[in-house]
Amino acid sequence: MHSLRPASLLYAGIIALAALPFERATAQTADERLKTDWPYLQRYQTENAALSPPKAGENRVVFMGNSITEGWAKYFPTMFAGKPYINRGIGGQTTSQLVVRFRADVIALGPKVVVILAGTNDIAGNTGPMSLEDIEANFATMVELARAHGVRVVLSSVIPVHNYTPASELTFPRRPPAQIAALNKWLKDYAATSGCVYLDYAAAMSDDKGMLRRELAEDGLLPNPAGYAIMAPLAEQAIGKALQGG
């Protein structure tokens, strides 16, 4: 194997150094946004302003959530062809941030149903430590806000995680399965007592150990196309049930 010549080493060093400012700038941009727009209200501001009010008889649905919801958006045209479904997911967000942007990204859009999928980043502590009681309170707040504006609610289970791949080593330790299971139990019970529809992704996507099935996520957290293909018909069923009054 030939060793690199001094000129090649110098060139490689220049390329590496050139990449540093961009990485730092990207990190600084995200950090600054947390200080100036913590819930990231600007993310969908333009799209929301351009959106027309629902047409008569339109069953508009908003999907509200984190990166799992946001990553689903590119599959909406095929999985929900022709449906007036709006994706308002933002990667990395917790229920605390969803509560703040709930009016702008859900209520103001005039949907008949909102599908909420969140909680995994709360457990991971993305915006600081949170107890299960704090997370539950945020879900209850969103349900109450929706109800006050005539929006029916689908509460989705937190999708389980797995530790079957090298990539999952980054996501799994921050999301203890026992905490996910406890939150899902509360969501199911709360949905039953509050008149919401409970959407049980966890039951359909878990293996015999209660973990996310290996083939549904490369990093143990974010669904791949096979994962979303399981989720789509379940979401459709839950939306239909919500539209019928639960």
C-alpha atoms as a PDB file:
ATOM      1  CA  MET A   1       0.000   0.000   0.000  1.00  0.00           C
ATOM      2  CA  HIS A   2       1.442   3.386  -1.005  1.00  0.00           C
ATOM      3  CA  SER A   3       1.758   6.073   1.656  1.00  0.00           C
ATOM      4  CA  LEU A   4       0.303   9.499   1.016  1.00  0.00           C
ATOM      5  CA  ARG A   5       2.687  12.106  -0.328  1.00  0.00           C
ATOM      6  CA  PRO A   6       3.157  15.314   1.681  1.00  0.00           C
ATOM      7  CA  ALA A   7       1.084  17.239  -0.856  1.00  0.00           C
ATOM      8  CA  SER A   8      -1.762  14.731  -0.503  1.00  0.00           C
ATOM      9  CA  LEU A   9      -1.614  14.965   3.254  1.00  0.00           C
ATOM     10  CA  LEU A  10      -1.722  18.741   3.053  1.00  0.00           C
ATOM     11  CA  TYR A  11      -4.728  18.618   0.717  1.00  0.00           C
ATOM     12  CA  ALA A  12      -6.560  16.185   2.997  1.00  0.00           C
ATOM     13  CA  GLY A  13      -5.864  18.439   5.942  1.00  0.00           C
ATOM     14  CA  ILE A  14      -7.235  21.488   4.143  1.00  0.00           C
ATOM     15  CA  ILE A  15     -10.427  19.601   3.232  1.00  0.00           C
ATOM     16  CA  ALA A  16     -10.896  18.468   6.827  1.00  0.00           C
ATOM     17  CA  LEU A  17     -10.373  21.962   8.187  1.00  0.00           C
ATOM     18  CA  ALA A  18     -12.756  23.417   5.609  1.00  0.00           C
ATOM     19  CA  ALA A  19     -15.520  21.149   6.856  1.00  0.00           C
ATOM     20  CA  LEU A  20     -15.220  22.295  10.462  1.00  0.00           C
ATOM     21  CA  PRO A  21     -16.790  25.759  10.112  1.00  0.00           C
ATOM     22  CA  PHE A  22     -19.835  24.276   8.371  1.00  0.00           C
ATOM     23  CA  GLU A  23     -20.359  21.690  11.113  1.00  0.00           C
ATOM     24  CA  ARG A  24     -19.927  24.320  13.786  1.00  0.00           C
ATOM     25  CA  ALA A  25     -22.244  26.702  11.958  1.00  0.00           C
ATOM     26  CA  THR A  26     -24.886  23.995  11.677  1.00  0.00           C
ATOM     27  CA  ALA A  27     -24.639  23.260  15.393  1.00  0.00           C
ATOM     28  CA  GLN A  28     -24.738  26.943  16.210  1.00  0.00           C
ATOM     29  CA  THR A  29     -27.841  27.428  14.056  1.00  0.00           C
ATOM     30  CA  ALA A  30     -29.699  24.664  15.894  1.00  0.00           C
ATOM     31  CA  ASP A  31     -28.522  25.983  19.229  1.00  0.00           C
ATOM     32  CA  GLU A  32     -29.564  29.529  18.400  1.00  0.00           C
ATOM     33  CA  ARG A  33     -33.006  28.337  17.300  1.00  0.00           C
ATOM     34  CA  LEU A  34     -33.562  26.730  20.685  1.00  0.00           C
ATOM     35  CA  LYS A  35     -32.916  30.146  22.205  1.00  0.00           C
ATOM     36  CA  THR A  36     -34.981  32.209  19.772  1.00  0.00           C
ATOM     37  CA  ASP A  37     -37.673  29.771  18.547  1.00  0.00           C
ATOM     38  CA  TRP A  38     -37.696  26.900  21.046  1.00  0.00           C
ATOM     39  CA  PRO A  39     -40.862  25.209  19.703  1.00  0.00           C
ATOM     40  CA  TYR A  40     -39.723  25.940  16.103  1.00  0.00           C
ATOM     41  CA  LEU A  41     -42.898  27.780  15.150  1.00  0.00           C
ATOM     42  CA  GLN A  42     -41.188  29.008  11.989  1.00  0.00           C
ATOM     43  CA  ARG A  43     -40.791  25.480  10.622  1.00  0.00           C
ATOM     44  CA  TYR A  44     -44.269  25.360   9.046  1.00  0.00           C
ATOM     45  CA  GLN A  45     -45.151  29.051   9.161  1.00  0.00           C
ATOM     46  CA  THR A  46     -45.051  29.522   5.376  1.00  0.00           C
ATOM     47  CA  GLU A  47     -46.917  26.286   4.616  1.00  0.00           C
ATOM     48  CA  ASN A  48     -49.590  27.091   7.178  1.00  0.00           C
ATOM     49  CA  ALA A  49     -50.136  30.562   5.751  1.00  0.00           C
ATOM     50  CA  ALA A  50     -50.537  29.145   2.239  1.00  0.00           C
ATOM     51  CA  LEU A  51     -52.989  26.442   3.292  1.00  0.00           C
ATOM     52  CA  SER A  52     -56.600  27.095   2.346  1.00  0.00           C
ATOM     53  CA  PRO A  53     -59.404  26.462   4.852  1.00  0.00           C
ATOM     54  CA  PRO A  54     -60.944  22.984   4.650  1.00  0.00           C
ATOM     55  CA  LYS A  55     -63.554  22.545   1.930  1.00  0.00           C
ATOM     56  CA  ALA A  56     -67.078  21.545   2.820  1.00  0.00           C
ATOM     57  CA  GLY A  57     -67.093  17.878   3.752  1.00  0.00           C
ATOM     58  CA  GLU A  58     -63.304  17.627   3.819  1.00  0.00           C
ATOM     59  CA  ASN A  59     -61.964  15.236   6.442  1.00  0.00           C
ATOM     60  CA  ARG A  60     -58.730  17.070   7.082  1.00  0.00           C
ATOM     61  CA  VAL A  61     -56.289  15.317   9.404  1.00  0.00           C
ATOM     62  CA  VAL A  62     -53.107  16.662  10.979  1.00  0.00           C
ATOM     63  CA  PHE A  63     -50.335  14.290  12.012  1.00  0.00           C
ATOM     64  CA  MET A  64     -48.508  15.951  14.912  1.00  0.00           C
ATOM     65  CA  GLY A  65     -45.238  14.618  16.245  1.00  0.00           C
ATOM     66  CA  ASN A  66     -41.471  14.307  16.123  1.00  0.00           C
ATOM     67  CA  SER A  67     -39.008  12.846  13.602  1.00  0.00           C
ATOM     68  CA  ILE A  68     -41.020   9.636  13.246  1.00  0.00           C
ATOM     69  CA  THR A  69     -43.915  11.717  11.932  1.00  0.00           C
ATOM     70  CA  GLU A  70     -41.678  14.074   9.957  1.00  0.00           C
ATOM     71  CA  GLY A  71     -39.900  11.158   8.282  1.00  0.00           C
ATOM     72  CA  TRP A  72     -43.260   9.743   7.232  1.00  0.00           C
ATOM     73  CA  ALA A  73     -44.098  12.808   5.113  1.00  0.00           C
ATOM     74  CA  LYS A  74     -42.325  11.582   1.971  1.00  0.00           C
ATOM     75  CA  TYR A  75     -44.514   8.467   1.964  1.00  0.00           C
ATOM     76  CA  PHE A  76     -47.823  10.305   2.416  1.00  0.00           C
ATOM     77  CA  PRO A  77     -48.466  10.716  -1.352  1.00  0.00           C
ATOM     78  CA  THR A  78     -48.396   6.945  -1.864  1.00  0.00           C
ATOM     79  CA  MET A  79     -49.607   5.627   1.495  1.00  0.00           C
ATOM     80  CA  PHE A  80     -52.430   8.177   1.802  1.00  0.00           C
ATOM     81  CA  ALA A  81     -53.032   8.992  -1.847  1.00  0.00           C
ATOM     82  CA  GLY A  82     -55.603  11.734  -2.343  1.00  0.00           C
ATOM     83  CA  LYS A  83     -56.242  12.143   1.374  1.00  0.00           C
ATOM     84  CA  PRO A  84     -56.260  15.643   2.948  1.00  0.00           C
ATOM     85  CA  TYR A  85     -53.617  14.636   5.473  1.00  0.00           C
ATOM     86  CA  ILE A  86     -51.140  17.212   6.720  1.00  0.00           C
ATOM     87  CA  ASN A  87     -47.787  16.321   8.280  1.00  0.00           C
ATOM     88  CA  ARG A  88     -46.549  18.563  11.078  1.00  0.00           C
ATOM     89  CA  GLY A  89     -43.731  16.504  12.531  1.00  0.00           C
ATOM     90  CA  ILE A  90     -40.465  18.074  13.678  1.00  0.00           C
ATOM     91  CA  GLY A  91     -37.417  15.964  14.429  1.00  0.00           C
ATOM     92  CA  GLY A  92     -36.192  15.759  18.004  1.00  0.00           C
ATOM     93  CA  GLN A  93     -39.215  17.417  19.576  1.00  0.00           C
ATOM     94  CA  THR A  94     -40.839  16.611  22.897  1.00  0.00           C
ATOM     95  CA  THR A  95     -44.457  16.968  23.995  1.00  0.00           C
ATOM     96  CA  SER A  96     -43.571  20.268  25.683  1.00  0.00           C
ATOM     97  CA  GLN A  97     -42.691  21.742  22.295  1.00  0.00           C
ATOM     98  CA  LEU A  98     -45.757  20.199  20.668  1.00  0.00           C
ATOM     99  CA  VAL A  99     -47.988  21.881  23.232  1.00  0.00           C
ATOM    100  CA  VAL A 100     -46.564  25.307  22.360  1.00  0.00           C
ATOM    101  CA  ARG A 101     -47.070  24.903  18.619  1.00  0.00           C
ATOM    102  CA  PHE A 102     -50.375  23.037  18.862  1.00  0.00           C
ATOM    103  CA  ARG A 103     -52.452  26.125  18.072  1.00  0.00           C
ATOM    104  CA  ALA A 104     -50.420  27.157  15.011  1.00  0.00           C
ATOM    105  CA  ASP A 105     -49.797  23.693  13.576  1.00  0.00           C
ATOM    106  CA  VAL A 106     -53.075  21.961  14.456  1.00  0.00           C
ATOM    107  CA  ILE A 107     -55.982  24.128  15.619  1.00  0.00           C
ATOM    108  CA  ALA A 108     -55.436  26.931  13.100  1.00  0.00           C
ATOM    109  CA  LEU A 109     -55.498  24.439  10.220  1.00  0.00           C
ATOM    110  CA  GLY A 110     -59.082  23.382  10.944  1.00  0.00           C
ATOM    111  CA  PRO A 111     -58.722  19.590  10.967  1.00  0.00           C
ATOM    112  CA  LYS A 112     -61.437  17.189  11.996  1.00  0.00           C
ATOM    113  CA  VAL A 113     -58.850  14.835  13.520  1.00  0.00           C
ATOM    114  CA  VAL A 114     -55.347  15.132  14.938  1.00  0.00           C
ATOM    115  CA  VAL A 115     -53.076  12.089  15.213  1.00  0.00           C
ATOM    116  CA  ILE A 116     -50.519  12.649  17.972  1.00  0.00           C
ATOM    117  CA  LEU A 117     -47.367  10.528  18.062  1.00  0.00           C
ATOM    118  CA  ALA A 118     -44.833  11.671  20.651  1.00  0.00           C
ATOM    119  CA  GLY A 119     -43.151  10.836  23.930  1.00  0.00           C
ATOM    120  CA  THR A 120     -40.006   8.986  22.907  1.00  0.00           C
ATOM    121  CA  ASN A 121     -37.896  12.159  22.985  1.00  0.00           C
ATOM    122  CA  ASP A 122     -39.381  13.134  26.342  1.00  0.00           C
ATOM    123  CA  ILE A 123     -38.163   9.843  27.772  1.00  0.00           C
ATOM    124  CA  ALA A 124     -34.778  10.493  26.156  1.00  0.00           C
ATOM    125  CA  GLY A 125     -34.629  13.905  27.827  1.00  0.00           C
ATOM    126  CA  ASN A 126     -34.195  15.921  24.632  1.00  0.00           C
ATOM    127  CA  THR A 127     -35.419  19.114  26.311  1.00  0.00           C
ATOM    128  CA  GLY A 128     -34.334  18.176  29.805  1.00  0.00           C
ATOM    129  CA  PRO A 129     -35.392  15.582  32.362  1.00  0.00           C
ATOM    130  CA  MET A 130     -39.120  14.827  32.391  1.00  0.00           C
ATOM    131  CA  SER A 131     -41.149  12.586  34.653  1.00  0.00           C
ATOM    132  CA  LEU A 132     -43.873  10.385  33.213  1.00  0.00           C
ATOM    133  CA  GLU A 133     -46.372  12.610  35.018  1.00  0.00           C
ATOM    134  CA  ASP A 134     -45.037  15.659  33.149  1.00  0.00           C
ATOM    135  CA  ILE A 135     -45.324  13.861  29.805  1.00  0.00           C
ATOM    136  CA  GLU A 136     -48.842  12.702  30.618  1.00  0.00           C
ATOM    137  CA  ALA A 137     -49.840  16.259  31.546  1.00  0.00           C
ATOM    138  CA  ASN A 138     -48.657  17.507  28.149  1.00  0.00           C
ATOM    139  CA  PHE A 139     -50.716  14.876  26.352  1.00  0.00           C
ATOM    140  CA  ALA A 140     -53.759  15.829  28.425  1.00  0.00           C
ATOM    141  CA  THR A 141     -53.216  19.502  27.580  1.00  0.00           C
ATOM    142  CA  MET A 142     -53.154  18.767  23.842  1.00  0.00           C
ATOM    143  CA  VAL A 143     -56.310  16.673  24.120  1.00  0.00           C
ATOM    144  CA  GLU A 144     -58.082  19.459  26.015  1.00  0.00           C
ATOM    145  CA  LEU A 145     -56.980  22.067  23.456  1.00  0.00           C
ATOM    146  CA  ALA A 146     -58.219  19.885  20.598  1.00  0.00           C
ATOM    147  CA  ARG A 147     -61.533  19.215  22.305  1.00  0.00           C
ATOM    148  CA  ALA A 148     -62.110  22.919  22.942  1.00  0.00           C
ATOM    149  CA  HIS A 149     -61.899  23.474  19.179  1.00  0.00           C
ATOM    150  CA  GLY A 150     -63.928  20.489  18.034  1.00  0.00           C
ATOM    151  CA  VAL A 151     -60.954  18.411  16.900  1.00  0.00           C
ATOM    152  CA  ARG A 152     -61.122  14.680  17.541  1.00  0.00           C
ATOM    153  CA  VAL A 153     -57.973  13.041  18.871  1.00  0.00           C
ATOM    154  CA  VAL A 154     -56.076   9.878  18.024  1.00  0.00           C
ATOM    155  CA  LEU A 155     -53.439   9.114  20.671  1.00  0.00           C
ATOM    156  CA  SER A 156     -50.682   6.903  19.290  1.00  0.00           C
ATOM    157  CA  SER A 157     -48.614   4.553  21.389  1.00  0.00           C
ATOM    158  CA  VAL A 158     -44.925   5.318  21.646  1.00  0.00           C
ATOM    159  CA  ILE A 159     -43.180   3.038  19.173  1.00  0.00           C
ATOM    160  CA  PRO A 160     -40.846   0.605  20.942  1.00  0.00           C
ATOM    161  CA  VAL A 161     -37.081   0.601  20.378  1.00  0.00           C
ATOM    162  CA  HIS A 162     -34.521  -2.133  19.803  1.00  0.00           C
ATOM    163  CA  ASN A 163     -30.811  -2.682  20.426  1.00  0.00           C
ATOM    164  CA  TYR A 164     -30.138  -5.190  17.645  1.00  0.00           C
ATOM    165  CA  THR A 165     -27.855  -3.041  15.453  1.00  0.00           C
ATOM    166  CA  PRO A 166     -24.710  -0.941  15.976  1.00  0.00           C
ATOM    167  CA  ALA A 167     -26.698   2.183  15.089  1.00  0.00           C
ATOM    168  CA  SER A 168     -29.178   1.471  17.880  1.00  0.00           C
ATOM    169  CA  GLU A 169     -26.418   1.965  20.467  1.00  0.00           C
ATOM    170  CA  LEU A 170     -27.027   5.710  20.132  1.00  0.00           C
ATOM    171  CA  THR A 171     -30.806   5.621  20.587  1.00  0.00           C
ATOM    172  CA  PHE A 172     -31.640   2.637  22.789  1.00  0.00           C
ATOM    173  CA  PRO A 173     -29.885   3.544  26.079  1.00  0.00           C
ATOM    174  CA  ARG A 174     -31.805   6.822  26.342  1.00  0.00           C
ATOM    175  CA  ARG A 175     -35.192   5.154  25.948  1.00  0.00           C
ATOM    176  CA  PRO A 176     -35.690   2.408  28.555  1.00  0.00           C
ATOM    177  CA  PRO A 177     -38.351  -0.036  27.304  1.00  0.00           C
ATOM    178  CA  ALA A 178     -39.965  -0.118  30.765  1.00  0.00           C
ATOM    179  CA  GLN A 179     -40.643   3.627  30.588  1.00  0.00           C
ATOM    180  CA  ILE A 180     -42.063   3.323  27.080  1.00  0.00           C
ATOM    181  CA  ALA A 181     -44.360   0.514  28.259  1.00  0.00           C
ATOM    182  CA  ALA A 182     -45.497   2.558  31.273  1.00  0.00           C
ATOM    183  CA  LEU A 183     -46.303   5.591  29.115  1.00  0.00           C
ATOM    184  CA  ASN A 184     -48.154   3.424  26.617  1.00  0.00           C
ATOM    185  CA  LYS A 185     -50.271   1.920  29.393  1.00  0.00           C
ATOM    186  CA  TRP A 186     -51.202   5.418  30.552  1.00  0.00           C
ATOM    187  CA  LEU A 187     -51.996   6.529  26.975  1.00  0.00           C
ATOM    188  CA  LYS A 188     -54.269   3.542  26.448  1.00  0.00           C
ATOM    189  CA  ASP A 189     -56.080   4.076  29.754  1.00  0.00           C
ATOM    190  CA  TYR A 190     -56.368   7.833  29.239  1.00  0.00           C
ATOM    191  CA  ALA A 191     -57.728   7.379  25.726  1.00  0.00           C
ATOM    192  CA  ALA A 192     -60.411   5.040  27.087  1.00  0.00           C
ATOM    193  CA  THR A 193     -61.514   7.458  29.793  1.00  0.00           C
ATOM    194  CA  SER A 194     -61.267  10.646  27.742  1.00  0.00           C
ATOM    195  CA  GLY A 195     -63.006   9.482  24.588  1.00  0.00           C
ATOM    196  CA  CYS A 196     -59.908   9.537  22.376  1.00  0.00           C
ATOM    197  CA  VAL A 197     -59.009   6.772  19.947  1.00  0.00           C
ATOM    198  CA  TYR A 198     -55.945   4.768  20.951  1.00  0.00           C
ATOM    199  CA  LEU A 199     -53.667   3.812  18.068  1.00  0.00           C
ATOM    200  CA  ASP A 200     -51.530   0.841  19.134  1.00  0.00           C
ATOM    201  CA  TYR A 201     -48.459   0.852  16.909  1.00  0.00           C
ATOM    202  CA  ALA A 202     -46.478  -0.905  19.642  1.00  0.00           C
ATOM    203  CA  ALA A 203     -48.526  -4.104  19.544  1.00  0.00           C
ATOM    204  CA  ALA A 204     -48.176  -4.385  15.773  1.00  0.00           C
ATOM    205  CA  MET A 205     -44.457  -3.582  15.609  1.00  0.00           C
ATOM    206  CA  SER A 206     -43.025  -5.461  18.602  1.00  0.00           C
ATOM    207  CA  ASP A 207     -41.240  -8.802  18.599  1.00  0.00           C
ATOM    208  CA  ASP A 208     -41.648 -11.539  21.197  1.00  0.00           C
ATOM    209  CA  LYS A 209     -39.333  -9.638  23.564  1.00  0.00           C
ATOM    210  CA  GLY A 210     -41.427  -6.489  23.399  1.00  0.00           C
ATOM    211  CA  MET A 211     -38.767  -4.718  21.346  1.00  0.00           C
ATOM    212  CA  LEU A 212     -39.185  -3.056  17.973  1.00  0.00           C
ATOM    213  CA  ARG A 213     -38.796  -5.693  15.280  1.00  0.00           C
ATOM    214  CA  ARG A 214     -35.305  -5.585  13.827  1.00  0.00           C
ATOM    215  CA  GLU A 215     -36.464  -5.348  10.213  1.00  0.00           C
ATOM    216  CA  LEU A 216     -38.554  -2.214  10.851  1.00  0.00           C
ATOM    217  CA  ALA A 217     -35.793   0.232  11.860  1.00  0.00           C
ATOM    218  CA  GLU A 218     -32.102   0.357  11.122  1.00  0.00           C
ATOM    219  CA  ASP A 219     -31.255   2.559  14.109  1.00  0.00           C
ATOM    220  CA  GLY A 220     -33.678   0.929  16.515  1.00  0.00           C
ATOM    221  CA  LEU A 221     -35.899   4.017  16.589  1.00  0.00           C
ATOM    222  CA  LEU A 222     -36.948   5.534  13.260  1.00  0.00           C
ATOM    223  CA  PRO A 223     -39.187   3.329  11.084  1.00  0.00           C
ATOM    224  CA  ASN A 224     -37.997   2.403   7.616  1.00  0.00           C
ATOM    225  CA  PRO A 225     -40.444   1.981   4.699  1.00  0.00           C
ATOM    226  CA  ALA A 226     -41.488  -1.435   6.030  1.00  0.00           C
ATOM    227  CA  GLY A 227     -42.255   0.147   9.390  1.00  0.00           C
ATOM    228  CA  TYR A 228     -44.331   2.921   7.881  1.00  0.00           C
ATOM    229  CA  ALA A 229     -46.160   0.361   5.728  1.00  0.00           C
ATOM    230  CA  ILE A 230     -47.393  -1.266   8.939  1.00  0.00           C
ATOM    231  CA  MET A 231     -48.305   2.063  10.496  1.00  0.00           C
ATOM    232  CA  ALA A 232     -50.319   3.497   7.597  1.00  0.00           C
ATOM    233  CA  PRO A 233     -53.345   1.157   7.634  1.00  0.00           C
ATOM    234  CA  LEU A 234     -53.445   1.295  11.437  1.00  0.00           C
ATOM    235  CA  ALA A 235     -53.560   5.086  11.254  1.00  0.00           C
ATOM    236  CA  GLU A 236     -56.324   4.937   8.645  1.00  0.00           C
ATOM    237  CA  GLN A 237     -58.402   2.660  10.858  1.00  0.00           C
ATOM    238  CA  ALA A 238     -57.939   4.943  13.868  1.00  0.00           C
ATOM    239  CA  ILE A 239     -58.825   8.052  11.851  1.00  0.00           C
ATOM    240  CA  GLY A 240     -61.959   6.361  10.545  1.00  0.00           C
ATOM    241  CA  LYS A 241     -62.972   5.471  14.062  1.00  0.00           C
ATOM    242  CA  ALA A 242     -62.354   9.045  15.255  1.00  0.00           C
ATOM    243  CA  LEU A 243     -64.424  10.468  12.406  1.00  0.00           C
ATOM    244  CA  GLN A 244     -67.282   8.213  13.452  1.00  0.00           C
ATOM    245  CA  GLY A 245     -67.110   9.653  16.932  1.00  0.00           C
ATOM    246  CA  GLY A 246     -64.741   7.161  18.561  1.00  0.00           C
END
